[in-house]
Amino acid sequence: MSVLHLLAAPDLLAAGYEVGTGRLVPSAAAVAGLAGVVLGVLAATRPGRPGAARRAVIAVAAGVVSAAVGGVHWANVAGGLGTGNGLAGAVIAVALGAVAVAAGGLALVRTRRTA
């Protein structure tokens, strides 16, 4: 197929690149989990700084939400990896959520000791 055929039929390019709720929900949960990991690590490495406890609580909350949304999506997905249902995003969201909860919990313990 030549470039002229692709330019004449733009529907061919957009056919496989739609982002529906099947991919969007677990992707958003994975982003929330990643934000929780970043905040948890920042709070754990700097427990004496102002706002560390707040960052740790936000990290735990983001991790719980990420793991819960990813787990619900993982349980309800129809199909395997590569089918476009968002299974990979759900697995990543659960993993990042668990890491965010662990990092936020560690940061909470450290901030309580320094206070």
Protein backbone atom coordinates (compact mmCIF):
# COMPACT_ATOMS: atom_id res chain seq x y z
CA MET A 1 0.00 0.00 0.00
CA SER A 2 1.45 3.33 -0.99
CA VAL A 3 1.43 6.61 0.93
CA LEU A 4 -1.14 8.06 -1.48
CA HIS A 5 -3.57 5.27 -0.63
CA LEU A 6 -3.09 5.93 3.09
CA LEU A 7 -3.66 9.65 2.65
CA ALA A 8 -6.80 9.01 0.61
CA ALA A 9 -8.24 6.69 3.30
CA PRO A 10 -7.51 8.20 6.74
CA ASP A 11 -9.86 5.66 8.35
CA LEU A 12 -7.21 2.98 7.88
CA LEU A 13 -4.78 4.86 10.10
CA ALA A 14 -7.22 5.51 12.93
CA ALA A 15 -8.81 2.07 13.01
CA GLY A 16 -6.50 0.45 15.57
CA TYR A 17 -5.54 3.45 17.66
CA GLU A 18 -8.69 4.28 19.56
CA VAL A 19 -8.38 4.65 23.30
CA GLY A 20 -11.61 3.50 24.90
CA THR A 21 -12.51 2.90 28.52
CA GLY A 22 -10.94 -0.53 28.33
CA ARG A 23 -7.51 1.04 28.03
CA LEU A 24 -8.10 4.44 29.59
CA VAL A 25 -9.23 3.35 33.07
CA PRO A 26 -6.30 1.05 33.85
CA SER A 27 -3.87 3.50 32.29
CA ALA A 28 -5.16 6.27 34.56
CA ALA A 29 -4.89 3.91 37.52
CA ALA A 30 -1.30 3.10 36.56
CA VAL A 31 -0.47 6.81 36.37
CA ALA A 32 -1.99 7.30 39.84
CA GLY A 33 0.10 4.39 41.10
CA LEU A 34 3.24 5.88 39.57
CA ALA A 35 2.51 9.22 41.23
CA GLY A 36 2.05 7.38 44.52
CA VAL A 37 5.40 5.63 44.09
CA VAL A 38 7.16 8.92 43.39
CA LEU A 39 5.57 10.64 46.38
CA GLY A 40 6.24 7.66 48.64
CA VAL A 41 9.90 7.49 47.68
CA LEU A 42 10.30 11.25 48.13
CA ALA A 43 8.68 11.10 51.54
CA ALA A 44 10.71 8.04 52.59
CA THR A 45 14.05 9.50 51.57
CA ARG A 46 13.37 12.86 53.22
CA PRO A 47 11.37 12.10 56.38
CA GLY A 48 12.41 15.21 58.29
CA ARG A 49 11.31 17.76 55.71
CA PRO A 50 8.02 19.62 56.02
CA GLY A 51 5.15 17.92 54.21
CA ALA A 52 6.71 14.45 54.27
CA ALA A 53 3.82 12.98 56.26
CA ARG A 54 1.31 14.52 53.86
CA ARG A 55 3.20 13.09 50.88
CA ALA A 56 3.25 9.68 52.55
CA VAL A 57 -0.50 9.72 53.18
CA ILE A 58 -1.18 10.77 49.58
CA ALA A 59 1.14 8.00 48.36
CA VAL A 60 -0.75 5.38 50.38
CA ALA A 61 -4.11 6.70 49.17
CA ALA A 62 -2.99 6.77 45.53
CA GLY A 63 -1.59 3.27 45.89
CA VAL A 64 -4.80 1.88 47.34
CA VAL A 65 -6.91 3.51 44.62
CA SER A 66 -4.54 2.31 41.90
CA ALA A 67 -4.46 -1.26 43.18
CA ALA A 68 -8.23 -1.37 43.69
CA VAL A 69 -9.14 0.02 40.27
CA GLY A 70 -6.52 -2.15 38.57
CA GLY A 71 -7.69 -5.24 40.44
CA VAL A 72 -11.34 -4.70 39.59
CA HIS A 73 -10.47 -4.12 35.95
CA TRP A 74 -8.19 -7.17 35.94
CA ALA A 75 -10.97 -9.34 37.34
CA ASN A 76 -13.51 -8.15 34.77
CA VAL A 77 -11.40 -8.06 31.62
CA ALA A 78 -12.47 -10.34 28.79
CA GLY A 79 -9.46 -11.56 26.89
CA GLY A 80 -5.74 -11.80 27.35
CA LEU A 81 -2.76 -9.59 26.78
CA GLY A 82 -2.75 -7.82 23.44
CA THR A 83 -6.50 -7.89 22.91
CA GLY A 84 -6.96 -4.18 23.64
CA ASN A 85 -8.94 -4.65 26.83
CA GLY A 86 -6.39 -3.03 29.12
CA LEU A 87 -5.15 -6.12 30.93
CA ALA A 88 -1.52 -4.99 30.82
CA GLY A 89 -2.46 -1.60 32.26
CA ALA A 90 -4.43 -3.28 35.03
CA VAL A 91 -1.52 -5.53 35.97
CA ILE A 92 0.85 -2.55 36.01
CA ALA A 93 -1.64 -0.53 38.08
CA VAL A 94 -1.86 -3.30 40.69
CA ALA A 95 1.93 -3.61 40.87
CA LEU A 96 2.53 0.14 41.11
CA GLY A 97 -0.25 0.45 43.67
CA ALA A 98 1.36 -2.16 45.88
CA VAL A 99 4.75 -0.45 45.63
CA ALA A 100 3.16 2.93 46.40
CA VAL A 101 1.44 1.56 49.51
CA ALA A 102 4.70 0.01 50.69
CA ALA A 103 6.75 3.15 50.06
CA GLY A 104 4.11 5.39 51.64
CA GLY A 105 3.81 3.12 54.67
CA LEU A 106 7.58 3.10 55.12
CA ALA A 107 7.60 6.87 54.84
CA LEU A 108 4.84 7.15 57.45
CA VAL A 109 6.84 5.02 59.87
CA ARG A 110 9.95 7.13 59.28
CA THR A 111 8.12 10.42 59.69
CA ARG A 112 6.62 9.25 63.00
CA ARG A 113 10.08 8.37 64.31
CA THR A 114 11.57 11.75 63.40
CA ALA A 115 8.66 13.75 64.84
